[in-house]
Every structure is written in C-alpha cells, then in structure tokens.
C-alpha cells in the first residue's frame, strides 16, 4: 500500500496517510501569542490538515502534546476541551519538553482515522 504525503517538503510533509491513518504535527505560526493563542492556532491548523486528509477532529485516535511549561497546561486544556466534540477525546499524552523554536509554547502530534 502506498504512503500518501500531503504537501511534502525537504524535511517534512504536512501529513502522511498510510492504511487510512492520518499522521501529522502542528506548531503555532505566531510565537508572540500566549499559550491560549498558540493552542488556538495549532488546533485551527489541525482542522485544516484533517480536512485535507479527508478526516476531522471527531476521528482523532491519539494526540501527543508537547509543552515547555507545565504552568501553561490549564490554559491549553481550556482551549483543547472547547475544541473537541463531546465524546470524541482521543488517547492523549502531554510531555514537558524544550522545543526547537524559542517562544514556541506548544506542539501537537496527531493520529486520526479517515472520516
């Protein structure tokens, strides 16, 4: 079975689809935003990527959230909880890490099933 790569570039693709599963990572574009703003950006981008891959947030299977400061998790969770449809929470892991770009507060890796 072939691997579908959505918007491939030299170092990454916006998403990969294999055996019907969509894998992708989102990062905020505006690093001047606070955790709430960065999380909103990431989740809005996730909606777009899911649509490109023929899926949607109700089909999420797993999310791995990378944060730089655990004190920001409540703000992130408020945005996350408002974004997810009721009864559609995926398996989730949240890790405190040092991210590559200074000012980046959150990065999220997703796996979703097709719609």
PDB file of N, CA and C in Angstrom:
ATOM      1  N   UNK A   1       0.839  -1.174   0.000  1.00  0.00           N
ATOM      2  CA  UNK A   1       0.000   0.000   0.000  1.00  0.00           C
ATOM      3  C   UNK A   1       0.888   1.243   0.000  1.00  0.00           C
ATOM      4  N   UNK A   2       0.525   2.217  -0.811  1.00  0.00           N
ATOM      5  CA  UNK A   2       1.313   3.435  -0.924  1.00  0.00           C
ATOM      6  C   UNK A   2       1.104   4.364   0.259  1.00  0.00           C
ATOM      7  N   UNK A   3       2.108   5.178   0.522  1.00  0.00           N
ATOM      8  CA  UNK A   3       2.022   6.236   1.517  1.00  0.00           C
ATOM      9  C   UNK A   3       1.658   7.516   0.784  1.00  0.00           C
ATOM     10  N   UNK A   4       0.606   8.181   1.233  1.00  0.00           N
ATOM     11  CA  UNK A   4       0.226   9.472   0.668  1.00  0.00           C
ATOM     12  C   UNK A   4       0.889  10.553   1.522  1.00  0.00           C
ATOM     13  N   UNK A   5       1.579  11.480   0.871  1.00  0.00           N
ATOM     14  CA  UNK A   5       2.226  12.593   1.571  1.00  0.00           C
ATOM     15  C   UNK A   5       1.537  13.882   1.127  1.00  0.00           C
ATOM     16  N   UNK A   6       1.013  14.623   2.092  1.00  0.00           N
ATOM     17  CA  UNK A   6       0.308  15.858   1.800  1.00  0.00           C
ATOM     18  C   UNK A   6       1.282  17.022   1.950  1.00  0.00           C
ATOM     19  N   UNK A   7       1.459  17.773   0.878  1.00  0.00           N
ATOM     20  CA  UNK A   7       2.369  18.919   0.838  1.00  0.00           C
ATOM     21  C   UNK A   7       3.780  18.568   1.333  1.00  0.00           C
ATOM     22  N   UNK A   8       4.426  17.579   0.694  1.00  0.00           N
ATOM     23  CA  UNK A   8       5.772  17.211   1.137  1.00  0.00           C
ATOM     24  C   UNK A   8       6.796  18.304   0.833  1.00  0.00           C
ATOM     25  N   UNK A   9       7.723  18.472   1.751  1.00  0.00           N
ATOM     26  CA  UNK A   9       8.848  19.385   1.580  1.00  0.00           C
ATOM     27  C   UNK A   9      10.119  18.589   1.848  1.00  0.00           C
ATOM     28  N   UNK A  10      11.238  19.254   1.898  1.00  0.00           N
ATOM     29  CA  UNK A  10      12.508  18.569   2.099  1.00  0.00           C
ATOM     30  C   UNK A  10      12.566  17.835   3.435  1.00  0.00           C
ATOM     31  N   UNK A  11      12.140  18.488   4.516  1.00  0.00           N
ATOM     32  CA  UNK A  11      12.262  17.908   5.859  1.00  0.00           C
ATOM     33  C   UNK A  11      11.003  17.276   6.404  1.00  0.00           C
ATOM     34  N   UNK A  12       9.831  17.643   5.897  1.00  0.00           N
ATOM     35  CA  UNK A  12       8.591  17.101   6.432  1.00  0.00           C
ATOM     36  C   UNK A  12       7.479  17.228   5.405  1.00  0.00           C
ATOM     37  N   UNK A  13       6.406  16.542   5.699  1.00  0.00           N
ATOM     38  CA  UNK A  13       5.150  16.690   4.951  1.00  0.00           C
ATOM     39  C   UNK A  13       4.131  17.260   5.929  1.00  0.00           C
ATOM     40  N   UNK A  14       3.121  17.943   5.402  1.00  0.00           N
ATOM     41  CA  UNK A  14       2.073  18.442   6.294  1.00  0.00           C
ATOM     42  C   UNK A  14       1.363  17.284   6.985  1.00  0.00           C
ATOM     43  N   UNK A  15       1.229  16.170   6.274  1.00  0.00           N
ATOM     44  CA  UNK A  15       0.623  14.958   6.838  1.00  0.00           C
ATOM     45  C   UNK A  15       1.035  13.775   5.992  1.00  0.00           C
ATOM     46  N   UNK A  16       0.986  12.601   6.606  1.00  0.00           N
ATOM     47  CA  UNK A  16       1.153  11.362   5.854  1.00  0.00           C
ATOM     48  C   UNK A  16      -0.071  10.492   6.139  1.00  0.00           C
ATOM     49  N   UNK A  17      -0.484   9.763   5.116  1.00  0.00           N
ATOM     50  CA  UNK A  17      -1.627   8.869   5.253  1.00  0.00           C
ATOM     51  C   UNK A  17      -1.168   7.486   4.824  1.00  0.00           C
ATOM     52  N   UNK A  18      -1.346   6.524   5.723  1.00  0.00           N
ATOM     53  CA  UNK A  18      -0.957   5.150   5.426  1.00  0.00           C
ATOM     54  C   UNK A  18      -2.002   4.223   6.019  1.00  0.00           C
ATOM     55  N   UNK A  19      -2.467   3.295   5.225  1.00  0.00           N
ATOM     56  CA  UNK A  19      -3.505   2.349   5.615  1.00  0.00           C
ATOM     57  C   UNK A  19      -4.685   3.069   6.267  1.00  0.00           C
ATOM     58  N   UNK A  20      -5.005   4.239   5.724  1.00  0.00           N
ATOM     59  CA  UNK A  20      -6.152   5.000   6.189  1.00  0.00           C
ATOM     60  C   UNK A  20      -5.893   5.898   7.387  1.00  0.00           C
ATOM     61  N   UNK A  21      -4.749   5.749   8.048  1.00  0.00           N
ATOM     62  CA  UNK A  21      -4.455   6.578   9.220  1.00  0.00           C
ATOM     63  C   UNK A  21      -3.711   7.844   8.817  1.00  0.00           C
ATOM     64  N   UNK A  22      -4.118   8.955   9.386  1.00  0.00           N
ATOM     65  CA  UNK A  22      -3.523  10.258   9.109  1.00  0.00           C
ATOM     66  C   UNK A  22      -2.590  10.611  10.269  1.00  0.00           C
ATOM     67  N   UNK A  23      -1.332  10.929   9.937  1.00  0.00           N
ATOM     68  CA  UNK A  23      -0.336  11.330  10.940  1.00  0.00           C
ATOM     69  C   UNK A  23       0.126  12.738  10.597  1.00  0.00           C
ATOM     70  N   UNK A  24       0.120  13.637  11.582  1.00  0.00           N
ATOM     71  CA  UNK A  24       0.607  14.990  11.322  1.00  0.00           C
ATOM     72  C   UNK A  24       0.952  15.703  12.621  1.00  0.00           C
ATOM     73  N   UNK A  25       1.720  16.776  12.478  1.00  0.00           N
ATOM     74  CA  UNK A  25       2.160  17.598  13.603  1.00  0.00           C
ATOM     75  C   UNK A  25       1.831  19.045  13.285  1.00  0.00           C
ATOM     76  N   UNK A  26       1.381  19.778  14.284  1.00  0.00           N
ATOM     77  CA  UNK A  26       1.098  21.202  14.105  1.00  0.00           C
ATOM     78  C   UNK A  26       1.877  22.019  15.126  1.00  0.00           C
ATOM     79  N   UNK A  27       2.367  23.161  14.669  1.00  0.00           N
ATOM     80  CA  UNK A  27       3.072  24.119  15.527  1.00  0.00           C
ATOM     81  C   UNK A  27       2.464  25.501  15.289  1.00  0.00           C
ATOM     82  N   UNK A  28       2.549  26.394  16.272  1.00  0.00           N
ATOM     83  CA  UNK A  28       1.991  27.730  16.078  1.00  0.00           C
ATOM     84  C   UNK A  28       2.840  28.562  15.118  1.00  0.00           C
ATOM     85  N   UNK A  29       2.182  29.422  14.360  1.00  0.00           N
ATOM     86  CA  UNK A  29       2.891  30.318  13.444  1.00  0.00           C
ATOM     87  C   UNK A  29       3.298  31.605  14.145  1.00  0.00           C
ATOM     88  N   UNK A  30       2.441  32.108  15.030  1.00  0.00           N
ATOM     89  CA  UNK A  30       2.697  33.369  15.736  1.00  0.00           C
ATOM     90  C   UNK A  30       3.206  33.059  17.138  1.00  0.00           C
ATOM     91  N   UNK A  31       4.520  33.130  17.298  1.00  0.00           N
ATOM     92  CA  UNK A  31       5.130  32.789  18.583  1.00  0.00           C
ATOM     93  C   UNK A  31       5.029  33.912  19.604  1.00  0.00           C
ATOM     94  N   UNK A  32       4.471  35.055  19.217  1.00  0.00           N
ATOM     95  CA  UNK A  32       4.283  36.133  20.188  1.00  0.00           C
ATOM     96  C   UNK A  32       3.016  35.905  21.028  1.00  0.00           C
ATOM     97  N   UNK A  33       2.168  34.968  20.602  1.00  0.00           N
ATOM     98  CA  UNK A  33       0.925  34.670  21.322  1.00  0.00           C
ATOM     99  C   UNK A  33       1.223  33.910  22.605  1.00  0.00           C
ATOM    100  N   UNK A  34       0.305  34.007  23.567  1.00  0.00           N
ATOM    101  CA  UNK A  34       0.424  33.238  24.803  1.00  0.00           C
ATOM    102  C   UNK A  34      -0.028  31.798  24.544  1.00  0.00           C
ATOM    103  N   UNK A  35      -0.034  30.976  25.584  1.00  0.00           N
ATOM    104  CA  UNK A  35      -0.387  29.557  25.408  1.00  0.00           C
ATOM    105  C   UNK A  35      -1.775  29.396  24.811  1.00  0.00           C
ATOM    106  N   UNK A  36      -2.714  30.183  25.263  1.00  0.00           N
ATOM    107  CA  UNK A  36      -4.069  30.097  24.718  1.00  0.00           C
ATOM    108  C   UNK A  36      -4.050  30.376  23.212  1.00  0.00           C
ATOM    109  N   UNK A  37      -3.410  31.466  22.821  1.00  0.00           N
ATOM    110  CA  UNK A  37      -3.338  31.838  21.413  1.00  0.00           C
ATOM    111  C   UNK A  37      -2.589  30.827  20.567  1.00  0.00           C
ATOM    112  N   UNK A  38      -1.472  30.312  21.086  1.00  0.00           N
ATOM    113  CA  UNK A  38      -0.716  29.306  20.331  1.00  0.00           C
ATOM    114  C   UNK A  38      -1.512  28.021  20.183  1.00  0.00           C
ATOM    115  N   UNK A  39      -2.217  27.613  21.228  1.00  0.00           N
ATOM    116  CA  UNK A  39      -3.030  26.398  21.146  1.00  0.00           C
ATOM    117  C   UNK A  39      -4.167  26.584  20.147  1.00  0.00           C
ATOM    118  N   UNK A  40      -4.801  27.746  20.159  1.00  0.00           N
ATOM    119  CA  UNK A  40      -5.862  28.023  19.181  1.00  0.00           C
ATOM    120  C   UNK A  40      -5.326  27.937  17.757  1.00  0.00           C
ATOM    121  N   UNK A  41      -4.127  28.473  17.524  1.00  0.00           N
ATOM    122  CA  UNK A  41      -3.514  28.403  16.193  1.00  0.00           C
ATOM    123  C   UNK A  41      -3.297  26.951  15.774  1.00  0.00           C
ATOM    124  N   UNK A  42      -2.709  26.175  16.674  1.00  0.00           N
ATOM    125  CA  UNK A  42      -2.385  24.773  16.378  1.00  0.00           C
ATOM    126  C   UNK A  42      -3.658  23.993  16.057  1.00  0.00           C
ATOM    127  N   UNK A  43      -4.712  24.201  16.831  1.00  0.00           N
ATOM    128  CA  UNK A  43      -5.943  23.444  16.604  1.00  0.00           C
ATOM    129  C   UNK A  43      -6.675  23.903  15.338  1.00  0.00           C
ATOM    130  N   UNK A  44      -6.599  25.177  15.008  1.00  0.00           N
ATOM    131  CA  UNK A  44      -7.183  25.652  13.743  1.00  0.00           C
ATOM    132  C   UNK A  44      -6.436  25.035  12.567  1.00  0.00           C
ATOM    133  N   UNK A  45      -5.112  24.964  12.663  1.00  0.00           N
ATOM    134  CA  UNK A  45      -4.316  24.319  11.617  1.00  0.00           C
ATOM    135  C   UNK A  45      -4.651  22.835  11.542  1.00  0.00           C
ATOM    136  N   UNK A  46      -4.870  22.198  12.686  1.00  0.00           N
ATOM    137  CA  UNK A  46      -5.217  20.778  12.698  1.00  0.00           C
ATOM    138  C   UNK A  46      -6.525  20.540  11.944  1.00  0.00           C
ATOM    139  N   UNK A  47      -7.502  21.423  12.143  1.00  0.00           N
ATOM    140  CA  UNK A  47      -8.768  21.288  11.404  1.00  0.00           C
ATOM    141  C   UNK A  47      -8.524  21.302   9.899  1.00  0.00           C
ATOM    142  N   UNK A  48      -7.661  22.204   9.444  1.00  0.00           N
ATOM    143  CA  UNK A  48      -7.358  22.311   8.014  1.00  0.00           C
ATOM    144  C   UNK A  48      -6.631  21.069   7.502  1.00  0.00           C
ATOM    145  N   UNK A  49      -5.649  20.592   8.263  1.00  0.00           N
ATOM    146  CA  UNK A  49      -4.903  19.406   7.851  1.00  0.00           C
ATOM    147  C   UNK A  49      -5.810  18.183   7.817  1.00  0.00           C
ATOM    148  N   UNK A  50      -6.653  18.044   8.817  1.00  0.00           N
ATOM    149  CA  UNK A  50      -7.596  16.923   8.836  1.00  0.00           C
ATOM    150  C   UNK A  50      -8.501  16.961   7.603  1.00  0.00           C
ATOM    151  N   UNK A  51      -8.977  18.134   7.242  1.00  0.00           N
ATOM    152  CA  UNK A  51      -9.835  18.258   6.060  1.00  0.00           C
ATOM    153  C   UNK A  51      -9.082  17.863   4.789  1.00  0.00           C
ATOM    154  N   UNK A  52      -7.830  18.312   4.670  1.00  0.00           N
ATOM    155  CA  UNK A  52      -7.015  17.935   3.501  1.00  0.00           C
ATOM    156  C   UNK A  52      -6.851  16.422   3.397  1.00  0.00           C
ATOM    157  N   UNK A  53      -6.792  15.761   4.547  1.00  0.00           N
ATOM    158  CA  UNK A  53      -6.583  14.316   4.577  1.00  0.00           C
ATOM    159  C   UNK A  53      -7.892  13.534   4.559  1.00  0.00           C
ATOM    160  N   UNK A  54      -9.015  14.234   4.476  1.00  0.00           N
ATOM    161  CA  UNK A  54     -10.301  13.545   4.437  1.00  0.00           C
ATOM    162  C   UNK A  54     -10.760  13.050   5.790  1.00  0.00           C
ATOM    163  N   UNK A  55     -10.439  13.788   6.832  1.00  0.00           N
ATOM    164  CA  UNK A  55     -10.829  13.399   8.181  1.00  0.00           C
ATOM    165  C   UNK A  55     -11.330  14.637   8.925  1.00  0.00           C
ATOM    166  N   UNK A  56     -11.579  14.488  10.210  1.00  0.00           N
ATOM    167  CA  UNK A  56     -11.986  15.613  11.056  1.00  0.00           C
ATOM    168  C   UNK A  56     -11.686  15.287  12.512  1.00  0.00           C
ATOM    169  N   UNK A  57     -11.817  16.272  13.383  1.00  0.00           N
ATOM    170  CA  UNK A  57     -11.402  16.103  14.783  1.00  0.00           C
ATOM    171  C   UNK A  57     -12.214  15.056  15.541  1.00  0.00           C
ATOM    172  N   UNK A  58     -13.384  14.705  15.061  1.00  0.00           N
ATOM    173  CA  UNK A  58     -14.146  13.641  15.727  1.00  0.00           C
ATOM    174  C   UNK A  58     -13.531  12.271  15.463  1.00  0.00           C
ATOM    175  N   UNK A  59     -12.563  12.206  14.536  1.00  0.00           N
ATOM    176  CA  UNK A  59     -11.922  10.941  14.163  1.00  0.00           C
ATOM    177  C   UNK A  59     -10.515  10.801  14.744  1.00  0.00           C
ATOM    178  N   UNK A  60     -10.126  11.710  15.646  1.00  0.00           N
ATOM    179  CA  UNK A  60      -8.795  11.624  16.259  1.00  0.00           C
ATOM    180  C   UNK A  60      -8.655  10.354  17.085  1.00  0.00           C
ATOM    181  N   UNK A  61      -7.530   9.700  16.928  1.00  0.00           N
ATOM    182  CA  UNK A  61      -7.221   8.497  17.693  1.00  0.00           C
ATOM    183  C   UNK A  61      -6.229   8.791  18.819  1.00  0.00           C
ATOM    184  N   UNK A  62      -5.246   9.655  18.531  1.00  0.00           N
ATOM    185  CA  UNK A  62      -4.205   9.948  19.508  1.00  0.00           C
ATOM    186  C   UNK A  62      -3.674  11.352  19.289  1.00  0.00           C
ATOM    187  N   UNK A  63      -3.302  11.983  20.390  1.00  0.00           N
ATOM    188  CA  UNK A  63      -2.631  13.286  20.336  1.00  0.00           C
ATOM    189  C   UNK A  63      -1.504  13.267  21.369  1.00  0.00           C
ATOM    190  N   UNK A  64      -0.346  13.731  20.947  1.00  0.00           N
ATOM    191  CA  UNK A  64       0.780  13.903  21.862  1.00  0.00           C
ATOM    192  C   UNK A  64       1.065  15.395  21.920  1.00  0.00           C
ATOM    193  N   UNK A  65       0.886  15.975  23.103  1.00  0.00           N
ATOM    194  CA  UNK A  65       1.052  17.408  23.289  1.00  0.00           C
ATOM    195  C   UNK A  65       2.391  17.655  23.971  1.00  0.00           C
ATOM    196  N   UNK A  66       3.181  18.520  23.363  1.00  0.00           N
ATOM    197  CA  UNK A  66       4.494  18.883  23.893  1.00  0.00           C
ATOM    198  C   UNK A  66       4.398  20.324  24.378  1.00  0.00           C
ATOM    199  N   UNK A  67       4.687  20.558  25.657  1.00  0.00           N
ATOM    200  CA  UNK A  67       4.610  21.898  26.226  1.00  0.00           C
ATOM    201  C   UNK A  67       5.934  22.236  26.907  1.00  0.00           C
ATOM    202  N   UNK A  68       6.253  23.528  26.942  1.00  0.00           N
ATOM    203  CA  UNK A  68       7.522  23.959  27.539  1.00  0.00           C
ATOM    204  C   UNK A  68       7.390  24.288  29.014  1.00  0.00           C
ATOM    205  N   UNK A  69       6.169  24.509  29.499  1.00  0.00           N
ATOM    206  CA  UNK A  69       5.967  24.895  30.891  1.00  0.00           C
ATOM    207  C   UNK A  69       4.656  24.290  31.382  1.00  0.00           C
ATOM    208  N   UNK A  70       4.726  23.472  32.406  1.00  0.00           N
ATOM    209  CA  UNK A  70       3.525  22.817  32.916  1.00  0.00           C
ATOM    210  C   UNK A  70       2.522  23.808  33.497  1.00  0.00           C
ATOM    211  N   UNK A  71       2.976  24.998  33.866  1.00  0.00           N
ATOM    212  CA  UNK A  71       2.052  26.018  34.369  1.00  0.00           C
ATOM    213  C   UNK A  71       1.090  26.494  33.279  1.00  0.00           C
ATOM    214  N   UNK A  72       1.435  26.269  32.015  1.00  0.00           N
ATOM    215  CA  UNK A  72       0.582  26.660  30.889  1.00  0.00           C
ATOM    216  C   UNK A  72      -0.462  25.610  30.528  1.00  0.00           C
ATOM    217  N   UNK A  73      -0.383  24.439  31.130  1.00  0.00           N
ATOM    218  CA  UNK A  73      -1.292  23.348  30.754  1.00  0.00           C
ATOM    219  C   UNK A  73      -2.762  23.697  30.993  1.00  0.00           C
ATOM    220  N   UNK A  74      -3.138  24.337  32.097  1.00  0.00           N
ATOM    221  CA  UNK A  74      -4.565  24.674  32.260  1.00  0.00           C
ATOM    222  C   UNK A  74      -5.103  25.559  31.121  1.00  0.00           C
ATOM    223  N   UNK A  75      -4.335  26.536  30.662  1.00  0.00           N
ATOM    224  CA  UNK A  75      -4.781  27.382  29.550  1.00  0.00           C
ATOM    225  C   UNK A  75      -4.916  26.558  28.279  1.00  0.00           C
ATOM    226  N   UNK A  76      -3.953  25.672  28.044  1.00  0.00           N
ATOM    227  CA  UNK A  76      -4.010  24.800  26.872  1.00  0.00           C
ATOM    228  C   UNK A  76      -5.227  23.881  26.959  1.00  0.00           C
ATOM    229  N   UNK A  77      -5.452  23.292  28.124  1.00  0.00           N
ATOM    230  CA  UNK A  77      -6.585  22.378  28.292  1.00  0.00           C
ATOM    231  C   UNK A  77      -7.922  23.068  28.056  1.00  0.00           C
ATOM    232  N   UNK A  78      -8.048  24.329  28.452  1.00  0.00           N
ATOM    233  CA  UNK A  78      -9.307  25.053  28.245  1.00  0.00           C
ATOM    234  C   UNK A  78      -9.618  25.164  26.753  1.00  0.00           C
ATOM    235  N   UNK A  79      -8.600  25.470  25.960  1.00  0.00           N
ATOM    236  CA  UNK A  79      -8.791  25.574  24.507  1.00  0.00           C
ATOM    237  C   UNK A  79      -9.065  24.193  23.917  1.00  0.00           C
ATOM    238  N   UNK A  80      -8.285  23.208  24.331  1.00  0.00           N
ATOM    239  CA  UNK A  80      -8.438  21.825  23.863  1.00  0.00           C
ATOM    240  C   UNK A  80      -9.855  21.316  24.129  1.00  0.00           C
ATOM    241  N   UNK A  81     -10.326  21.494  25.372  1.00  0.00           N
ATOM    242  CA  UNK A  81     -11.646  20.991  25.758  1.00  0.00           C
ATOM    243  C   UNK A  81     -12.760  21.648  24.949  1.00  0.00           C
ATOM    244  N   UNK A  82     -12.632  22.933  24.670  1.00  0.00           N
ATOM    245  CA  UNK A  82     -13.647  23.646  23.881  1.00  0.00           C
ATOM    246  C   UNK A  82     -13.623  23.226  22.412  1.00  0.00           C
ATOM    247  N   UNK A  83     -12.461  22.791  21.923  1.00  0.00           N
ATOM    248  CA  UNK A  83     -12.292  22.421  20.512  1.00  0.00           C
ATOM    249  C   UNK A  83     -12.844  21.034  20.206  1.00  0.00           C
ATOM    250  N   UNK A  84     -12.676  20.098  21.125  1.00  0.00           N
ATOM    251  CA  UNK A  84     -13.089  18.714  20.862  1.00  0.00           C
ATOM    252  C   UNK A  84     -14.603  18.544  20.932  1.00  0.00           C
ATOM    253  N   UNK A  85     -15.176  17.796  19.998  1.00  0.00           N
ATOM    254  CA  UNK A  85     -16.600  17.476  20.105  1.00  0.00           C
ATOM    255  C   UNK A  85     -16.832  16.561  21.311  1.00  0.00           C
ATOM    256  N   UNK A  86     -17.980  16.666  21.968  1.00  0.00           N
ATOM    257  CA  UNK A  86     -18.268  15.790  23.119  1.00  0.00           C
ATOM    258  C   UNK A  86     -18.153  14.312  22.741  1.00  0.00           C
ATOM    259  N   UNK A  87     -17.540  13.551  23.613  1.00  0.00           N
ATOM    260  CA  UNK A  87     -17.417  12.112  23.415  1.00  0.00           C
ATOM    261  C   UNK A  87     -16.373  11.693  22.402  1.00  0.00           C
ATOM    262  N   UNK A  88     -15.530  12.620  21.935  1.00  0.00           N
ATOM    263  CA  UNK A  88     -14.553  12.307  20.891  1.00  0.00           C
ATOM    264  C   UNK A  88     -13.101  12.464  21.347  1.00  0.00           C
ATOM    265  N   UNK A  89     -12.858  12.482  22.633  1.00  0.00           N
ATOM    266  CA  UNK A  89     -11.475  12.674  23.108  1.00  0.00           C
ATOM    267  C   UNK A  89     -10.598  11.493  22.677  1.00  0.00           C
ATOM    268  N   UNK A  90      -9.448  11.788  22.073  1.00  0.00           N
ATOM    269  CA  UNK A  90      -8.529  10.719  21.691  1.00  0.00           C
ATOM    270  C   UNK A  90      -7.673  10.294  22.877  1.00  0.00           C
ATOM    271  N   UNK A  91      -6.919   9.242  22.710  1.00  0.00           N
ATOM    272  CA  UNK A  91      -5.863   8.926  23.667  1.00  0.00           C
ATOM    273  C   UNK A  91      -4.917  10.118  23.638  1.00  0.00           C
ATOM    274  N   UNK A  92      -4.398  10.514  24.807  1.00  0.00           N
ATOM    275  CA  UNK A  92      -3.594  11.736  24.835  1.00  0.00           C
ATOM    276  C   UNK A  92      -2.429  11.590  25.802  1.00  0.00           C
ATOM    277  N   UNK A  93      -1.285  12.117  25.385  1.00  0.00           N
ATOM    278  CA  UNK A  93      -0.118  12.218  26.262  1.00  0.00           C
ATOM    279  C   UNK A  93       0.316  13.676  26.248  1.00  0.00           C
ATOM    280  N   UNK A  94       0.792  14.162  27.381  1.00  0.00           N
ATOM    281  CA  UNK A  94       1.265  15.540  27.477  1.00  0.00           C
ATOM    282  C   UNK A  94       2.645  15.498  28.128  1.00  0.00           C
ATOM    283  N   UNK A  95       3.631  16.045  27.424  1.00  0.00           N
ATOM    284  CA  UNK A  95       5.006  15.998  27.916  1.00  0.00           C
ATOM    285  C   UNK A  95       5.603  17.388  28.024  1.00  0.00           C
ATOM    286  N   UNK A  96       6.392  17.601  29.051  1.00  0.00           N
ATOM    287  CA  UNK A  96       7.142  18.841  29.170  1.00  0.00           C
ATOM    288  C   UNK A  96       8.467  18.643  28.439  1.00  0.00           C
ATOM    289  N   UNK A  97       8.762  19.559  27.506  1.00  0.00           N
ATOM    290  CA  UNK A  97       9.949  19.433  26.661  1.00  0.00           C
ATOM    291  C   UNK A  97      10.549  20.808  26.393  1.00  0.00           C
ATOM    292  N   UNK A  98      11.730  20.794  25.802  1.00  0.00           N
ATOM    293  CA  UNK A  98      12.311  22.006  25.246  1.00  0.00           C
ATOM    294  C   UNK A  98      12.075  21.935  23.743  1.00  0.00           C
ATOM    295  N   UNK A  99      11.329  22.903  23.204  1.00  0.00           N
ATOM    296  CA  UNK A  99      11.034  22.908  21.777  1.00  0.00           C
ATOM    297  C   UNK A  99      12.110  23.661  21.013  1.00  0.00           C
ATOM    298  N   UNK A 100      12.229  23.366  19.727  1.00  0.00           N
ATOM    299  CA  UNK A 100      13.317  23.889  18.900  1.00  0.00           C
ATOM    300  C   UNK A 100      13.272  25.410  18.751  1.00  0.00           C
ATOM    301  N   UNK A 101      12.088  25.962  18.512  1.00  0.00           N
ATOM    302  CA  UNK A 101      11.971  27.400  18.271  1.00  0.00           C
ATOM    303  C   UNK A 101      11.743  28.147  19.582  1.00  0.00           C
ATOM    304  N   UNK A 102      12.580  29.135  19.878  1.00  0.00           N
ATOM    305  CA  UNK A 102      12.345  29.946  21.078  1.00  0.00           C
ATOM    306  C   UNK A 102      10.982  30.648  20.965  1.00  0.00           C
ATOM    307  N   UNK A 103      10.266  30.685  22.041  1.00  0.00           N
ATOM    308  CA  UNK A 103       8.944  31.302  22.035  1.00  0.00           C
ATOM    309  C   UNK A 103       7.823  30.331  21.745  1.00  0.00           C
ATOM    310  N   UNK A 104       8.141  29.158  21.207  1.00  0.00           N
ATOM    311  CA  UNK A 104       7.116  28.158  20.950  1.00  0.00           C
ATOM    312  C   UNK A 104       6.751  27.510  22.283  1.00  0.00           C
ATOM    313  N   UNK A 105       5.459  27.531  22.616  1.00  0.00           N
ATOM    314  CA  UNK A 105       4.989  27.000  23.892  1.00  0.00           C
ATOM    315  C   UNK A 105       4.347  25.623  23.770  1.00  0.00           C
ATOM    316  N   UNK A 106       3.886  25.273  22.560  1.00  0.00           N
ATOM    317  CA  UNK A 106       3.162  24.019  22.371  1.00  0.00           C
ATOM    318  C   UNK A 106       3.372  23.486  20.960  1.00  0.00           C
ATOM    319  N   UNK A 107       3.424  22.188  20.858  1.00  0.00           N
ATOM    320  CA  UNK A 107       3.469  21.471  19.579  1.00  0.00           C
ATOM    321  C   UNK A 107       2.624  20.223  19.789  1.00  0.00           C
ATOM    322  N   UNK A 108       1.831  19.851  18.802  1.00  0.00           N
ATOM    323  CA  UNK A 108       0.950  18.693  18.959  1.00  0.00           C
ATOM    324  C   UNK A 108       1.090  17.747  17.770  1.00  0.00           C
ATOM    325  N   UNK A 109       1.286  16.465  18.076  1.00  0.00           N
ATOM    326  CA  UNK A 109       1.312  15.409  17.058  1.00  0.00           C
ATOM    327  C   UNK A 109      -0.008  14.656  17.131  1.00  0.00           C
ATOM    328  N   UNK A 110      -0.608  14.405  15.984  1.00  0.00           N
ATOM    329  CA  UNK A 110      -1.920  13.780  15.901  1.00  0.00           C
ATOM    330  C   UNK A 110      -1.886  12.508  15.060  1.00  0.00           C
ATOM    331  N   UNK A 111      -2.802  11.591  15.381  1.00  0.00           N
ATOM    332  CA  UNK A 111      -3.109  10.449  14.531  1.00  0.00           C
ATOM    333  C   UNK A 111      -4.633  10.401  14.446  1.00  0.00           C
ATOM    334  N   UNK A 112      -5.155  10.270  13.221  1.00  0.00           N
ATOM    335  CA  UNK A 112      -6.600  10.252  13.025  1.00  0.00           C
ATOM    336  C   UNK A 112      -6.998   9.170  12.040  1.00  0.00           C
ATOM    337  N   UNK A 113      -8.220   8.697  12.173  1.00  0.00           N
ATOM    338  CA  UNK A 113      -8.804   7.753  11.224  1.00  0.00           C
ATOM    339  C   UNK A 113      -9.473   8.556  10.118  1.00  0.00           C
ATOM    340  N   UNK A 114      -9.698   7.954   8.972  1.00  0.00           N
ATOM    341  CA  UNK A 114     -10.423   8.661   7.912  1.00  0.00           C
ATOM    342  C   UNK A 114     -11.874   8.913   8.320  1.00  0.00           C
ATOM    343  N   UNK A 115     -12.484   9.904   7.706  1.00  0.00           N
ATOM    344  CA  UNK A 115     -13.890  10.220   8.004  1.00  0.00           C
ATOM    345  C   UNK A 115     -14.791   9.208   7.327  1.00  0.00           C
TER     346      UNK A 115
END
